[in-house]
Amino acid sequence: MVEHPGEYRWSSYSANAQGALNETVYLHDEYRCLGTTSGARQAAYRELFGQLLDSEFAAKFRDTVTHELVVGTSRFKDEVEAITNRRARMGKPGRPSKEAKDRQQQ
């Protein structure tokens, strides 16, 4: 899409990494924990983008987002599935086994 997150129009990067004013960006607790001053937080945030993502991770992330699924740990995905009653992870290819079908009907 873009070479750097700062180039993407809808990214919060300019606010979080460069201090640009953006009334739609909320400073989350995780972001606040990056430093005690705005300059320190911005520098730490920029550092997060200093390395390229592993290509295997990037491919899995793209697949997940493309299929409108959830990015996170198995526990987090379980919680999202329980709350939303929607699939949060990729299913197994092929038809479900007879046993799985029987369990779904119970």
N, C-alpha and C. Protein backbone atom coordinates (compact mmCIF):
# COMPACT_ATOMS: atom_id res chain seq x y z
N MET A 1 0.82 -1.18 0.00
CA MET A 1 0.00 0.00 0.00
C MET A 1 0.87 1.26 0.00
N VAL A 2 1.73 1.37 1.01
CA VAL A 2 2.68 2.49 1.09
C VAL A 2 4.01 1.94 1.61
N GLU A 3 5.06 2.70 1.40
CA GLU A 3 6.38 2.28 1.88
C GLU A 3 6.53 2.47 3.39
N HIS A 4 5.87 3.49 3.92
CA HIS A 4 6.02 3.83 5.34
C HIS A 4 4.66 4.25 5.90
N PRO A 5 4.34 3.87 7.15
CA PRO A 5 3.02 4.20 7.70
C PRO A 5 2.71 5.70 7.72
N GLY A 6 3.73 6.54 7.80
CA GLY A 6 3.50 7.98 7.78
C GLY A 6 2.95 8.48 6.46
N GLU A 7 3.08 7.67 5.41
CA GLU A 7 2.58 8.05 4.08
C GLU A 7 1.10 7.72 3.90
N TYR A 8 0.56 6.89 4.78
CA TYR A 8 -0.85 6.48 4.64
C TYR A 8 -1.75 7.53 5.28
N ARG A 9 -2.66 8.04 4.51
CA ARG A 9 -3.50 9.16 4.94
C ARG A 9 -4.27 8.88 6.23
N TRP A 10 -4.75 7.66 6.41
CA TRP A 10 -5.62 7.34 7.54
C TRP A 10 -4.86 6.75 8.72
N SER A 11 -3.55 6.75 8.67
CA SER A 11 -2.73 6.21 9.75
C SER A 11 -2.63 7.21 10.90
N SER A 12 -2.51 6.70 12.12
CA SER A 12 -2.29 7.56 13.28
C SER A 12 -0.81 7.84 13.49
N TYR A 13 0.03 7.37 12.58
CA TYR A 13 1.48 7.50 12.73
C TYR A 13 1.90 8.97 12.91
N SER A 14 1.37 9.87 12.12
CA SER A 14 1.81 11.26 12.20
C SER A 14 1.51 11.86 13.58
N ALA A 15 0.41 11.43 14.20
CA ALA A 15 0.08 11.92 15.54
C ALA A 15 0.95 11.24 16.59
N ASN A 16 1.08 9.93 16.51
CA ASN A 16 1.81 9.18 17.54
C ASN A 16 3.33 9.31 17.43
N ALA A 17 3.86 9.42 16.22
CA ALA A 17 5.31 9.43 16.02
C ALA A 17 5.88 10.83 15.83
N GLN A 18 5.03 11.76 15.35
CA GLN A 18 5.54 13.08 15.02
C GLN A 18 4.84 14.21 15.76
N GLY A 19 3.84 13.87 16.57
CA GLY A 19 3.16 14.88 17.36
C GLY A 19 2.18 15.76 16.61
N ALA A 20 1.79 15.36 15.40
CA ALA A 20 0.82 16.14 14.63
C ALA A 20 -0.52 16.14 15.37
N LEU A 21 -1.18 17.27 15.39
CA LEU A 21 -2.48 17.36 16.04
C LEU A 21 -3.53 16.64 15.20
N ASN A 22 -4.27 15.75 15.87
CA ASN A 22 -5.32 14.99 15.19
C ASN A 22 -6.37 14.68 16.25
N GLU A 23 -7.50 15.35 16.17
CA GLU A 23 -8.53 15.19 17.20
C GLU A 23 -9.18 13.82 17.19
N THR A 24 -8.97 13.03 16.14
CA THR A 24 -9.56 11.69 16.09
C THR A 24 -8.67 10.63 16.72
N VAL A 25 -7.44 10.98 17.07
CA VAL A 25 -6.51 10.01 17.65
C VAL A 25 -6.56 10.11 19.17
N TYR A 26 -6.82 8.97 19.82
CA TYR A 26 -6.87 8.87 21.27
C TYR A 26 -5.55 8.26 21.75
N LEU A 27 -4.93 8.86 22.73
CA LEU A 27 -3.67 8.35 23.27
C LEU A 27 -3.97 7.22 24.26
N HIS A 28 -3.87 5.99 23.77
CA HIS A 28 -4.16 4.81 24.58
C HIS A 28 -3.13 4.63 25.69
N ASP A 29 -3.50 3.89 26.72
CA ASP A 29 -2.60 3.63 27.84
C ASP A 29 -1.30 2.98 27.38
N GLU A 30 -1.38 2.06 26.40
CA GLU A 30 -0.18 1.40 25.89
C GLU A 30 0.78 2.43 25.28
N TYR A 31 0.23 3.40 24.59
CA TYR A 31 1.06 4.45 23.99
C TYR A 31 1.67 5.31 25.10
N ARG A 32 0.88 5.67 26.09
CA ARG A 32 1.39 6.50 27.19
C ARG A 32 2.52 5.81 27.94
N CYS A 33 2.52 4.49 27.98
CA CYS A 33 3.57 3.73 28.67
C CYS A 33 4.90 3.74 27.92
N LEU A 34 4.92 4.25 26.70
CA LEU A 34 6.15 4.28 25.92
C LEU A 34 7.15 5.32 26.44
N GLY A 35 6.70 6.27 27.25
CA GLY A 35 7.62 7.28 27.78
C GLY A 35 6.90 8.26 28.68
N THR A 36 7.67 9.02 29.44
CA THR A 36 7.07 9.97 30.39
C THR A 36 6.80 11.34 29.77
N THR A 37 7.39 11.61 28.61
CA THR A 37 7.13 12.89 27.92
C THR A 37 6.64 12.59 26.51
N SER A 38 6.01 13.57 25.89
CA SER A 38 5.51 13.36 24.53
C SER A 38 6.67 13.05 23.57
N GLY A 39 7.80 13.74 23.75
CA GLY A 39 8.96 13.48 22.89
C GLY A 39 9.48 12.06 23.04
N ALA A 40 9.54 11.58 24.28
CA ALA A 40 10.01 10.20 24.53
C ALA A 40 9.05 9.18 23.94
N ARG A 41 7.74 9.43 24.10
CA ARG A 41 6.74 8.51 23.52
C ARG A 41 6.84 8.49 22.00
N GLN A 42 6.99 9.66 21.39
CA GLN A 42 7.09 9.73 19.94
C GLN A 42 8.33 8.99 19.44
N ALA A 43 9.46 9.17 20.12
CA ALA A 43 10.70 8.49 19.72
C ALA A 43 10.56 6.98 19.86
N ALA A 44 9.96 6.52 20.95
CA ALA A 44 9.77 5.08 21.16
C ALA A 44 8.81 4.51 20.11
N TYR A 45 7.77 5.28 19.78
CA TYR A 45 6.81 4.83 18.75
C TYR A 45 7.50 4.72 17.40
N ARG A 46 8.31 5.71 17.05
CA ARG A 46 9.05 5.65 15.77
C ARG A 46 9.96 4.43 15.72
N GLU A 47 10.56 4.12 16.86
CA GLU A 47 11.46 2.96 16.94
C GLU A 47 10.72 1.65 16.62
N LEU A 48 9.44 1.58 16.97
CA LEU A 48 8.65 0.38 16.68
C LEU A 48 8.58 0.10 15.17
N PHE A 49 8.74 1.13 14.37
CA PHE A 49 8.64 0.99 12.92
C PHE A 49 10.00 0.94 12.24
N GLY A 50 11.05 0.80 13.03
CA GLY A 50 12.42 0.81 12.50
C GLY A 50 12.84 -0.45 11.79
N GLN A 51 12.09 -1.53 11.94
CA GLN A 51 12.46 -2.79 11.31
C GLN A 51 11.29 -3.31 10.49
N LEU A 52 11.62 -4.02 9.43
CA LEU A 52 10.58 -4.64 8.60
C LEU A 52 9.99 -5.84 9.32
N LEU A 53 8.73 -6.10 9.06
CA LEU A 53 8.09 -7.28 9.62
C LEU A 53 8.63 -8.53 8.93
N ASP A 54 8.70 -9.61 9.67
CA ASP A 54 9.04 -10.90 9.10
C ASP A 54 8.03 -11.21 7.99
N SER A 55 8.50 -11.67 6.84
CA SER A 55 7.61 -11.87 5.68
C SER A 55 6.51 -12.89 5.96
N GLU A 56 6.81 -13.92 6.75
CA GLU A 56 5.79 -14.93 7.08
C GLU A 56 4.70 -14.31 7.95
N PHE A 57 5.11 -13.52 8.96
CA PHE A 57 4.14 -12.84 9.82
C PHE A 57 3.29 -11.87 8.99
N ALA A 58 3.95 -11.11 8.11
CA ALA A 58 3.23 -10.13 7.29
C ALA A 58 2.19 -10.82 6.41
N ALA A 59 2.53 -11.98 5.84
CA ALA A 59 1.59 -12.72 5.00
C ALA A 59 0.39 -13.20 5.82
N LYS A 60 0.64 -13.72 7.02
CA LYS A 60 -0.46 -14.18 7.89
C LYS A 60 -1.34 -13.00 8.29
N PHE A 61 -0.71 -11.87 8.60
CA PHE A 61 -1.46 -10.68 8.98
C PHE A 61 -2.36 -10.23 7.84
N ARG A 62 -1.80 -10.18 6.61
CA ARG A 62 -2.59 -9.77 5.45
C ARG A 62 -3.77 -10.72 5.22
N ASP A 63 -3.53 -12.03 5.33
CA ASP A 63 -4.62 -13.01 5.17
C ASP A 63 -5.72 -12.78 6.20
N THR A 64 -5.31 -12.56 7.43
CA THR A 64 -6.28 -12.35 8.50
C THR A 64 -7.13 -11.11 8.24
N VAL A 65 -6.50 -10.02 7.88
CA VAL A 65 -7.22 -8.78 7.62
C VAL A 65 -8.09 -8.90 6.37
N THR A 66 -7.56 -9.53 5.34
CA THR A 66 -8.31 -9.71 4.09
C THR A 66 -9.61 -10.47 4.34
N HIS A 67 -9.56 -11.46 5.22
CA HIS A 67 -10.74 -12.27 5.52
C HIS A 67 -11.57 -11.70 6.67
N GLU A 68 -11.24 -10.47 7.11
CA GLU A 68 -11.96 -9.78 8.17
C GLU A 68 -12.02 -10.61 9.45
N LEU A 69 -10.87 -11.19 9.80
CA LEU A 69 -10.78 -11.99 11.02
C LEU A 69 -10.02 -11.20 12.08
N VAL A 70 -9.72 -11.83 13.19
CA VAL A 70 -9.13 -11.15 14.35
C VAL A 70 -7.63 -11.42 14.43
N VAL A 71 -6.87 -10.38 14.72
CA VAL A 71 -5.44 -10.50 14.95
C VAL A 71 -5.22 -10.53 16.46
N GLY A 72 -4.54 -11.54 16.95
CA GLY A 72 -4.27 -11.63 18.38
C GLY A 72 -3.98 -13.05 18.80
N THR A 73 -3.87 -13.24 20.09
CA THR A 73 -3.57 -14.56 20.64
C THR A 73 -4.79 -15.46 20.54
N SER A 74 -4.57 -16.76 20.72
CA SER A 74 -5.69 -17.72 20.70
C SER A 74 -6.72 -17.38 21.77
N ARG A 75 -6.24 -17.00 22.95
CA ARG A 75 -7.15 -16.64 24.03
C ARG A 75 -8.03 -15.45 23.64
N PHE A 76 -7.40 -14.43 23.05
CA PHE A 76 -8.14 -13.25 22.61
C PHE A 76 -9.17 -13.64 21.55
N LYS A 77 -8.77 -14.49 20.61
CA LYS A 77 -9.70 -14.93 19.56
C LYS A 77 -10.87 -15.71 20.15
N ASP A 78 -10.59 -16.57 21.15
CA ASP A 78 -11.66 -17.30 21.83
C ASP A 78 -12.66 -16.34 22.46
N GLU A 79 -12.14 -15.29 23.12
CA GLU A 79 -13.01 -14.30 23.76
C GLU A 79 -13.86 -13.56 22.74
N VAL A 80 -13.25 -13.16 21.63
CA VAL A 80 -13.99 -12.45 20.58
C VAL A 80 -15.08 -13.36 20.00
N GLU A 81 -14.75 -14.62 19.75
CA GLU A 81 -15.75 -15.57 19.22
C GLU A 81 -16.91 -15.74 20.18
N ALA A 82 -16.60 -15.85 21.49
CA ALA A 82 -17.66 -16.03 22.49
C ALA A 82 -18.57 -14.81 22.58
N ILE A 83 -17.98 -13.62 22.52
CA ILE A 83 -18.75 -12.39 22.66
C ILE A 83 -19.58 -12.10 21.41
N THR A 84 -18.98 -12.30 20.24
CA THR A 84 -19.64 -11.90 19.00
C THR A 84 -20.40 -13.02 18.31
N ASN A 85 -20.14 -14.26 18.73
CA ASN A 85 -20.74 -15.42 18.08
C ASN A 85 -20.39 -15.45 16.59
N ARG A 86 -19.14 -15.00 16.29
CA ARG A 86 -18.60 -15.00 14.92
C ARG A 86 -17.24 -15.66 14.93
N ARG A 87 -16.87 -16.19 13.79
CA ARG A 87 -15.56 -16.81 13.62
C ARG A 87 -14.50 -15.72 13.69
N ALA A 88 -13.42 -15.97 14.44
CA ALA A 88 -12.36 -14.98 14.61
C ALA A 88 -11.04 -15.47 14.03
N ARG A 89 -11.04 -16.67 13.45
CA ARG A 89 -9.80 -17.25 12.90
C ARG A 89 -10.14 -18.04 11.65
N MET A 90 -9.12 -18.33 10.88
CA MET A 90 -9.32 -19.09 9.64
C MET A 90 -9.85 -20.47 9.99
N GLY A 91 -10.78 -20.94 9.20
CA GLY A 91 -11.29 -22.30 9.37
C GLY A 91 -10.38 -23.29 8.67
N LYS A 92 -10.65 -24.55 8.91
CA LYS A 92 -9.88 -25.60 8.24
C LYS A 92 -10.48 -25.82 6.86
N PRO A 93 -9.64 -26.01 5.84
CA PRO A 93 -10.17 -26.21 4.49
C PRO A 93 -10.91 -27.54 4.39
N GLY A 94 -11.86 -27.59 3.48
CA GLY A 94 -12.61 -28.82 3.25
C GLY A 94 -13.90 -28.87 4.05
N ARG A 95 -14.62 -29.94 3.84
CA ARG A 95 -15.89 -30.12 4.53
C ARG A 95 -15.63 -30.56 5.96
N PRO A 96 -16.52 -30.18 6.90
CA PRO A 96 -16.34 -30.63 8.28
C PRO A 96 -16.56 -32.14 8.40
N SER A 97 -15.89 -32.76 9.35
CA SER A 97 -16.08 -34.19 9.56
C SER A 97 -17.49 -34.45 10.08
N LYS A 98 -17.94 -35.68 9.98
CA LYS A 98 -19.27 -36.03 10.47
C LYS A 98 -19.38 -35.75 11.96
N GLU A 99 -18.30 -36.03 12.73
CA GLU A 99 -18.31 -35.78 14.17
C GLU A 99 -18.47 -34.28 14.47
N ALA A 100 -17.75 -33.46 13.74
CA ALA A 100 -17.85 -32.01 13.94
C ALA A 100 -19.24 -31.52 13.60
N LYS A 101 -19.83 -32.06 12.54
CA LYS A 101 -21.18 -31.68 12.14
C LYS A 101 -22.18 -32.05 13.22
N ASP A 102 -22.02 -33.26 13.77
CA ASP A 102 -22.90 -33.73 14.85
C ASP A 102 -22.80 -32.83 16.08
N ARG A 103 -21.57 -32.39 16.41
CA ARG A 103 -21.37 -31.51 17.57
C ARG A 103 -22.06 -30.17 17.35
N GLN A 104 -22.00 -29.65 16.13
CA GLN A 104 -22.61 -28.36 15.83
C GLN A 104 -24.12 -28.42 15.95
N GLN A 105 -24.70 -29.56 15.64
CA GLN A 105 -26.16 -29.69 15.67
C GLN A 105 -26.69 -29.89 17.08
N GLN A 106 -25.83 -30.18 18.03
CA GLN A 106 -26.29 -30.42 19.41
C GLN A 106 -26.60 -29.15 20.11
